[in-house]
Amino acid sequence: MTELEKCMAGECYNCHDEIFLEFKARARALLKDYHSVAYEQKEEKTGILRQLFGHIGSNVSVGTPFICDYGRNVYIGNNVSINMNCTFVDCNEIRIGDCVMIASNIQIYTATHPVELKERLTEDWTRGCGKHFCQTYALPVTIGSGCWLGGGVIVLPGVTIGEGCVIGAGSVVTKDIPANSVAVGNPCRVIRKINGDEQDV
């Protein structure tokens, strides 16, 4: 497998491989252009986002500043609002459905590292070897249609947030949230069901 194939399969990969450095350089150049365009220049901004993201639907707004790693792994549906100062670490896919509101200062992470130190450190690593000193892998994140993520929410790798959810401000989402839930806290937990979903919590 190539390093890119390993990455997308959720296996440990060399995040300093040339392909990822190219992805980052392209994303940074496009983000520089995006941040230089005035708020009123909607067509120009959308044009840059179409180059940056893997997919972008209609009526999508991304406030500035905005930071992402590669851009190419971000897939956004229709009618999506992403407020200012958000960070998407899209080493694997970040998929956002339709009619989603993402408030300010939200962080979505796909990249992570092994917890055990022996597994986390790259064996025989030396400066200049072309690898990161720590092992890295990445897991996709999905945010279903109709969700609202409050300010300062952090979404960790591998998480799926079901359709119609509201995630309270400041929450850290460490595991999947079922559809039609209000969930809050660190770690984020479901406190009640909404949208006519009568299941017990």
C-alpha atoms as a PDB file:
ATOM      1  CA  MET A   1       0.000   0.000   0.000  1.00  0.00           C
ATOM      2  CA  THR A   2       1.099   3.557  -0.633  1.00  0.00           C
ATOM      3  CA  GLU A   3       1.306   5.966   2.293  1.00  0.00           C
ATOM      4  CA  LEU A   4      -1.877   7.635   1.034  1.00  0.00           C
ATOM      5  CA  GLU A   5      -3.691   4.289   0.886  1.00  0.00           C
ATOM      6  CA  LYS A   6      -2.560   3.507   4.440  1.00  0.00           C
ATOM      7  CA  CYS A   7      -3.794   6.899   5.600  1.00  0.00           C
ATOM      8  CA  MET A   8      -7.241   6.526   4.080  1.00  0.00           C
ATOM      9  CA  ALA A   9      -7.516   2.955   5.416  1.00  0.00           C
ATOM     10  CA  GLY A  10      -6.978   4.166   8.982  1.00  0.00           C
ATOM     11  CA  GLU A  11      -3.550   2.539   9.297  1.00  0.00           C
ATOM     12  CA  CYS A  12      -0.358   4.166  10.548  1.00  0.00           C
ATOM     13  CA  TYR A  13       1.274   6.120   7.744  1.00  0.00           C
ATOM     14  CA  ASN A  14       4.199   8.446   7.150  1.00  0.00           C
ATOM     15  CA  CYS A  15       2.618  11.896   7.407  1.00  0.00           C
ATOM     16  CA  HIS A  16       5.874  13.424   6.103  1.00  0.00           C
ATOM     17  CA  ASP A  17       5.649  11.534   2.815  1.00  0.00           C
ATOM     18  CA  GLU A  18       5.986  13.805  -0.213  1.00  0.00           C
ATOM     19  CA  ILE A  19       2.337  13.373  -1.230  1.00  0.00           C
ATOM     20  CA  PHE A  20       1.108  14.869   2.054  1.00  0.00           C
ATOM     21  CA  LEU A  21       3.580  17.732   1.886  1.00  0.00           C
ATOM     22  CA  GLU A  22       2.176  18.512  -1.582  1.00  0.00           C
ATOM     23  CA  PHE A  23      -1.404  18.397  -0.255  1.00  0.00           C
ATOM     24  CA  LYS A  24      -0.494  20.789   2.558  1.00  0.00           C
ATOM     25  CA  ALA A  25       1.325  23.212   0.274  1.00  0.00           C
ATOM     26  CA  ARG A  26      -1.644  23.368  -2.110  1.00  0.00           C
ATOM     27  CA  ALA A  27      -4.118  23.859   0.751  1.00  0.00           C
ATOM     28  CA  ARG A  28      -2.050  26.647   2.293  1.00  0.00           C
ATOM     29  CA  ALA A  29      -1.803  28.476  -1.025  1.00  0.00           C
ATOM     30  CA  LEU A  30      -5.564  28.256  -1.578  1.00  0.00           C
ATOM     31  CA  LEU A  31      -6.290  29.326   2.002  1.00  0.00           C
ATOM     32  CA  LYS A  32      -4.015  32.327   1.576  1.00  0.00           C
ATOM     33  CA  ASP A  33      -6.056  33.319  -1.488  1.00  0.00           C
ATOM     34  CA  TYR A  34      -9.318  32.653   0.357  1.00  0.00           C
ATOM     35  CA  HIS A  35      -8.373  34.883   3.274  1.00  0.00           C
ATOM     36  CA  SER A  36      -7.381  37.690   0.938  1.00  0.00           C
ATOM     37  CA  VAL A  37     -10.800  37.848  -0.767  1.00  0.00           C
ATOM     38  CA  ALA A  38     -13.335  40.290   0.669  1.00  0.00           C
ATOM     39  CA  TYR A  39     -16.454  39.000   2.419  1.00  0.00           C
ATOM     40  CA  GLU A  40     -18.663  40.471  -0.310  1.00  0.00           C
ATOM     41  CA  GLN A  41     -16.866  38.593  -3.115  1.00  0.00           C
ATOM     42  CA  LYS A  42     -19.054  35.508  -2.775  1.00  0.00           C
ATOM     43  CA  GLU A  43     -18.404  34.020  -6.227  1.00  0.00           C
ATOM     44  CA  GLU A  44     -14.649  34.301  -5.848  1.00  0.00           C
ATOM     45  CA  LYS A  45     -14.735  32.743  -2.394  1.00  0.00           C
ATOM     46  CA  THR A  46     -16.905  29.849  -3.556  1.00  0.00           C
ATOM     47  CA  GLY A  47     -14.580  29.280  -6.508  1.00  0.00           C
ATOM     48  CA  ILE A  48     -11.616  28.875  -4.178  1.00  0.00           C
ATOM     49  CA  LEU A  49     -13.542  26.517  -1.908  1.00  0.00           C
ATOM     50  CA  ARG A  50     -14.442  24.374  -4.917  1.00  0.00           C
ATOM     51  CA  GLN A  51     -10.722  23.997  -5.607  1.00  0.00           C
ATOM     52  CA  LEU A  52      -9.881  23.386  -1.951  1.00  0.00           C
ATOM     53  CA  PHE A  53     -12.543  20.881  -0.862  1.00  0.00           C
ATOM     54  CA  GLY A  54     -13.322  17.394  -2.135  1.00  0.00           C
ATOM     55  CA  HIS A  55     -16.921  18.517  -2.640  1.00  0.00           C
ATOM     56  CA  ILE A  56     -18.979  21.574  -1.790  1.00  0.00           C
ATOM     57  CA  GLY A  57     -22.723  21.924  -2.303  1.00  0.00           C
ATOM     58  CA  SER A  58     -24.783  25.057  -2.867  1.00  0.00           C
ATOM     59  CA  ASN A  59     -25.278  27.885  -0.369  1.00  0.00           C
ATOM     60  CA  VAL A  60     -22.177  27.133   1.708  1.00  0.00           C
ATOM     61  CA  SER A  61     -20.519  29.813   3.824  1.00  0.00           C
ATOM     62  CA  VAL A  62     -17.091  29.432   5.448  1.00  0.00           C
ATOM     63  CA  GLY A  63     -16.081  32.265   7.749  1.00  0.00           C
ATOM     64  CA  THR A  64     -12.514  33.462   8.133  1.00  0.00           C
ATOM     65  CA  PRO A  65     -10.093  32.688   9.525  1.00  0.00           C
ATOM     66  CA  PHE A  66     -10.433  29.039   8.518  1.00  0.00           C
ATOM     67  CA  ILE A  67      -7.728  26.387   8.709  1.00  0.00           C
ATOM     68  CA  CYS A  68      -7.572  22.907   7.202  1.00  0.00           C
ATOM     69  CA  ASP A  69      -4.787  20.419   6.618  1.00  0.00           C
ATOM     70  CA  TYR A  70      -5.348  19.101   3.085  1.00  0.00           C
ATOM     71  CA  GLY A  71      -8.789  20.417   2.119  1.00  0.00           C
ATOM     72  CA  ARG A  72      -9.240  17.615  -0.396  1.00  0.00           C
ATOM     73  CA  ASN A  73     -10.794  15.343   2.251  1.00  0.00           C
ATOM     74  CA  VAL A  74     -13.573  17.781   3.220  1.00  0.00           C
ATOM     75  CA  TYR A  75     -17.003  17.022   1.715  1.00  0.00           C
ATOM     76  CA  ILE A  76     -19.794  19.512   2.406  1.00  0.00           C
ATOM     77  CA  GLY A  77     -23.477  19.304   1.463  1.00  0.00           C
ATOM     78  CA  ASN A  78     -25.994  22.069   0.707  1.00  0.00           C
ATOM     79  CA  ASN A  79     -27.001  24.909   3.016  1.00  0.00           C
ATOM     80  CA  VAL A  80     -24.055  24.734   5.401  1.00  0.00           C
ATOM     81  CA  SER A  81     -22.762  27.566   7.577  1.00  0.00           C
ATOM     82  CA  ILE A  82     -19.259  27.308   9.033  1.00  0.00           C
ATOM     83  CA  ASN A  83     -18.504  30.280  11.269  1.00  0.00           C
ATOM     84  CA  MET A  84     -15.149  31.948  11.882  1.00  0.00           C
ATOM     85  CA  ASN A  85     -12.032  30.461  13.426  1.00  0.00           C
ATOM     86  CA  CYS A  86     -12.738  26.786  12.695  1.00  0.00           C
ATOM     87  CA  THR A  87     -10.039  24.148  12.208  1.00  0.00           C
ATOM     88  CA  PHE A  88     -10.538  20.975  10.160  1.00  0.00           C
ATOM     89  CA  VAL A  89      -7.648  18.491  10.405  1.00  0.00           C
ATOM     90  CA  ASP A  90      -8.735  16.487   7.373  1.00  0.00           C
ATOM     91  CA  CYS A  91      -6.055  13.828   7.067  1.00  0.00           C
ATOM     92  CA  ASN A  92      -8.974  11.450   6.514  1.00  0.00           C
ATOM     93  CA  GLU A  93     -12.457  12.376   5.305  1.00  0.00           C
ATOM     94  CA  ILE A  94     -14.667  14.932   7.020  1.00  0.00           C
ATOM     95  CA  ARG A  95     -18.196  14.594   5.656  1.00  0.00           C
ATOM     96  CA  ILE A  96     -20.820  17.214   6.525  1.00  0.00           C
ATOM     97  CA  GLY A  97     -24.432  16.751   5.426  1.00  0.00           C
ATOM     98  CA  ASP A  98     -27.074  19.283   4.370  1.00  0.00           C
ATOM     99  CA  CYS A  99     -28.513  22.095   6.489  1.00  0.00           C
ATOM    100  CA  VAL A 100     -25.706  22.034   9.064  1.00  0.00           C
ATOM    101  CA  MET A 101     -24.665  24.926  11.318  1.00  0.00           C
ATOM    102  CA  ILE A 102     -21.106  24.905  12.641  1.00  0.00           C
ATOM    103  CA  ALA A 103     -20.445  27.711  15.126  1.00  0.00           C
ATOM    104  CA  SER A 104     -17.209  29.585  15.787  1.00  0.00           C
ATOM    105  CA  ASN A 105     -14.035  28.016  17.161  1.00  0.00           C
ATOM    106  CA  ILE A 106     -14.975  24.449  16.276  1.00  0.00           C
ATOM    107  CA  GLN A 107     -12.218  21.885  15.825  1.00  0.00           C
ATOM    108  CA  ILE A 108     -12.696  18.670  13.866  1.00  0.00           C
ATOM    109  CA  TYR A 109      -9.823  16.205  14.048  1.00  0.00           C
ATOM    110  CA  THR A 110      -9.259  13.060  12.004  1.00  0.00           C
ATOM    111  CA  ALA A 111      -5.570  12.555  12.836  1.00  0.00           C
ATOM    112  CA  THR A 112      -4.478  10.758  15.995  1.00  0.00           C
ATOM    113  CA  HIS A 113      -1.636   8.700  17.482  1.00  0.00           C
ATOM    114  CA  PRO A 114      -1.306   5.414  19.390  1.00  0.00           C
ATOM    115  CA  VAL A 115      -1.785   5.769  23.147  1.00  0.00           C
ATOM    116  CA  GLU A 116       0.972   3.345  24.161  1.00  0.00           C
ATOM    117  CA  LEU A 117       4.374   5.057  24.028  1.00  0.00           C
ATOM    118  CA  LYS A 118       6.126   2.036  22.461  1.00  0.00           C
ATOM    119  CA  GLU A 119       3.596   2.061  19.631  1.00  0.00           C
ATOM    120  CA  ARG A 120       3.547   5.847  19.292  1.00  0.00           C
ATOM    121  CA  LEU A 121       7.289   6.348  18.773  1.00  0.00           C
ATOM    122  CA  THR A 122       8.635   5.608  15.287  1.00  0.00           C
ATOM    123  CA  GLU A 123      11.140   2.787  15.524  1.00  0.00           C
ATOM    124  CA  ASP A 124      14.744   3.742  14.615  1.00  0.00           C
ATOM    125  CA  TRP A 125      13.708   7.367  14.001  1.00  0.00           C
ATOM    126  CA  THR A 126      16.526   9.832  13.324  1.00  0.00           C
ATOM    127  CA  ARG A 127      16.455  13.500  12.405  1.00  0.00           C
ATOM    128  CA  GLY A 128      16.328  13.874   8.636  1.00  0.00           C
ATOM    129  CA  CYS A 129      14.991  10.365   7.991  1.00  0.00           C
ATOM    130  CA  GLY A 130      11.894  11.779   6.295  1.00  0.00           C
ATOM    131  CA  LYS A 131       9.448  10.475   8.868  1.00  0.00           C
ATOM    132  CA  HIS A 132       7.649  11.953  11.869  1.00  0.00           C
ATOM    133  CA  PHE A 133       9.054  10.828  15.234  1.00  0.00           C
ATOM    134  CA  CYS A 134       5.553   9.703  16.239  1.00  0.00           C
ATOM    135  CA  GLN A 135       3.276   7.241  14.476  1.00  0.00           C
ATOM    136  CA  THR A 136       0.132   8.797  13.013  1.00  0.00           C
ATOM    137  CA  TYR A 137      -3.139   7.386  11.758  1.00  0.00           C
ATOM    138  CA  ALA A 138      -6.417   9.047  10.770  1.00  0.00           C
ATOM    139  CA  LEU A 139     -10.090   8.115  11.077  1.00  0.00           C
ATOM    140  CA  PRO A 140     -13.014   9.749   9.240  1.00  0.00           C
ATOM    141  CA  VAL A 141     -15.565  12.061  10.862  1.00  0.00           C
ATOM    142  CA  THR A 142     -19.195  12.353   9.741  1.00  0.00           C
ATOM    143  CA  ILE A 143     -21.680  15.052  10.724  1.00  0.00           C
ATOM    144  CA  GLY A 144     -25.195  14.221   9.605  1.00  0.00           C
ATOM    145  CA  SER A 145     -27.711  16.523   7.939  1.00  0.00           C
ATOM    146  CA  GLY A 146     -29.622  18.957  10.137  1.00  0.00           C
ATOM    147  CA  CYS A 147     -26.999  19.180  12.885  1.00  0.00           C
ATOM    148  CA  TRP A 148     -26.060  22.266  14.891  1.00  0.00           C
ATOM    149  CA  LEU A 149     -22.671  22.293  16.632  1.00  0.00           C
ATOM    150  CA  GLY A 150     -22.352  25.030  19.264  1.00  0.00           C
ATOM    151  CA  GLY A 151     -19.325  27.263  19.752  1.00  0.00           C
ATOM    152  CA  GLY A 152     -16.049  25.655  20.726  1.00  0.00           C
ATOM    153  CA  VAL A 153     -17.099  22.043  20.078  1.00  0.00           C
ATOM    154  CA  ILE A 154     -14.250  19.571  19.503  1.00  0.00           C
ATOM    155  CA  VAL A 155     -14.943  16.437  17.433  1.00  0.00           C
ATOM    156  CA  LEU A 156     -12.390  13.636  17.755  1.00  0.00           C
ATOM    157  CA  PRO A 157     -11.274  11.111  15.113  1.00  0.00           C
ATOM    158  CA  GLY A 158     -13.649   8.370  14.020  1.00  0.00           C
ATOM    159  CA  VAL A 159     -16.795  10.051  15.375  1.00  0.00           C
ATOM    160  CA  THR A 160     -20.168  10.044  13.631  1.00  0.00           C
ATOM    161  CA  ILE A 161     -22.785  12.568  14.739  1.00  0.00           C
ATOM    162  CA  GLY A 162     -26.205  11.423  13.582  1.00  0.00           C
ATOM    163  CA  GLU A 163     -28.722  13.546  11.709  1.00  0.00           C
ATOM    164  CA  GLY A 164     -30.652  16.250  13.542  1.00  0.00           C
ATOM    165  CA  CYS A 165     -28.325  16.498  16.545  1.00  0.00           C
ATOM    166  CA  VAL A 166     -27.536  19.567  18.642  1.00  0.00           C
ATOM    167  CA  ILE A 167     -24.103  19.492  20.298  1.00  0.00           C
ATOM    168  CA  GLY A 168     -23.802  21.957  23.196  1.00  0.00           C
ATOM    169  CA  ALA A 169     -21.125  24.648  23.210  1.00  0.00           C
ATOM    170  CA  GLY A 170     -17.752  23.551  24.521  1.00  0.00           C
ATOM    171  CA  SER A 171     -18.472  19.840  24.224  1.00  0.00           C
ATOM    172  CA  VAL A 172     -15.758  17.309  23.373  1.00  0.00           C
ATOM    173  CA  VAL A 173     -17.292  14.583  21.209  1.00  0.00           C
ATOM    174  CA  THR A 174     -15.300  11.410  21.857  1.00  0.00           C
ATOM    175  CA  LYS A 175     -17.741   8.798  20.521  1.00  0.00           C
ATOM    176  CA  ASP A 176     -20.701   8.478  18.151  1.00  0.00           C
ATOM    177  CA  ILE A 177     -23.860  10.462  18.913  1.00  0.00           C
ATOM    178  CA  PRO A 178     -27.146   8.873  17.750  1.00  0.00           C
ATOM    179  CA  ALA A 179     -29.478  10.845  15.494  1.00  0.00           C
ATOM    180  CA  ASN A 180     -31.920  13.373  16.939  1.00  0.00           C
ATOM    181  CA  SER A 181     -30.054  13.922  20.199  1.00  0.00           C
ATOM    182  CA  VAL A 182     -29.092  16.898  22.323  1.00  0.00           C
ATOM    183  CA  ALA A 183     -25.629  16.050  23.635  1.00  0.00           C
ATOM    184  CA  VAL A 184     -23.340  18.106  25.858  1.00  0.00           C
ATOM    185  CA  GLY A 185     -20.238  17.949  28.011  1.00  0.00           C
ATOM    186  CA  ASN A 186     -16.719  16.567  28.168  1.00  0.00           C
ATOM    187  CA  PRO A 187     -16.954  13.787  27.278  1.00  0.00           C
ATOM    188  CA  CYS A 188     -20.076  14.610  25.292  1.00  0.00           C
ATOM    189  CA  ARG A 189     -23.147  12.602  26.290  1.00  0.00           C
ATOM    190  CA  VAL A 190     -26.783  12.519  25.210  1.00  0.00           C
ATOM    191  CA  ILE A 191     -29.136  14.336  27.607  1.00  0.00           C
ATOM    192  CA  ARG A 192     -32.384  14.081  25.639  1.00  0.00           C
ATOM    193  CA  LYS A 193     -33.951  13.128  22.316  1.00  0.00           C
ATOM    194  CA  ILE A 194     -35.504  15.665  19.922  1.00  0.00           C
ATOM    195  CA  ASN A 195     -37.287  15.933  16.586  1.00  0.00           C
ATOM    196  CA  GLY A 196     -40.036  13.505  17.562  1.00  0.00           C
ATOM    197  CA  ASP A 197     -37.611  10.712  18.437  1.00  0.00           C
ATOM    198  CA  GLU A 198     -39.149   9.162  21.569  1.00  0.00           C
ATOM    199  CA  GLN A 199     -36.403   6.676  22.374  1.00  0.00           C
ATOM    200  CA  ASP A 200     -35.194   6.592  25.967  1.00  0.00           C
ATOM    201  CA  VAL A 201     -31.799   8.107  26.737  1.00  0.00           C
END
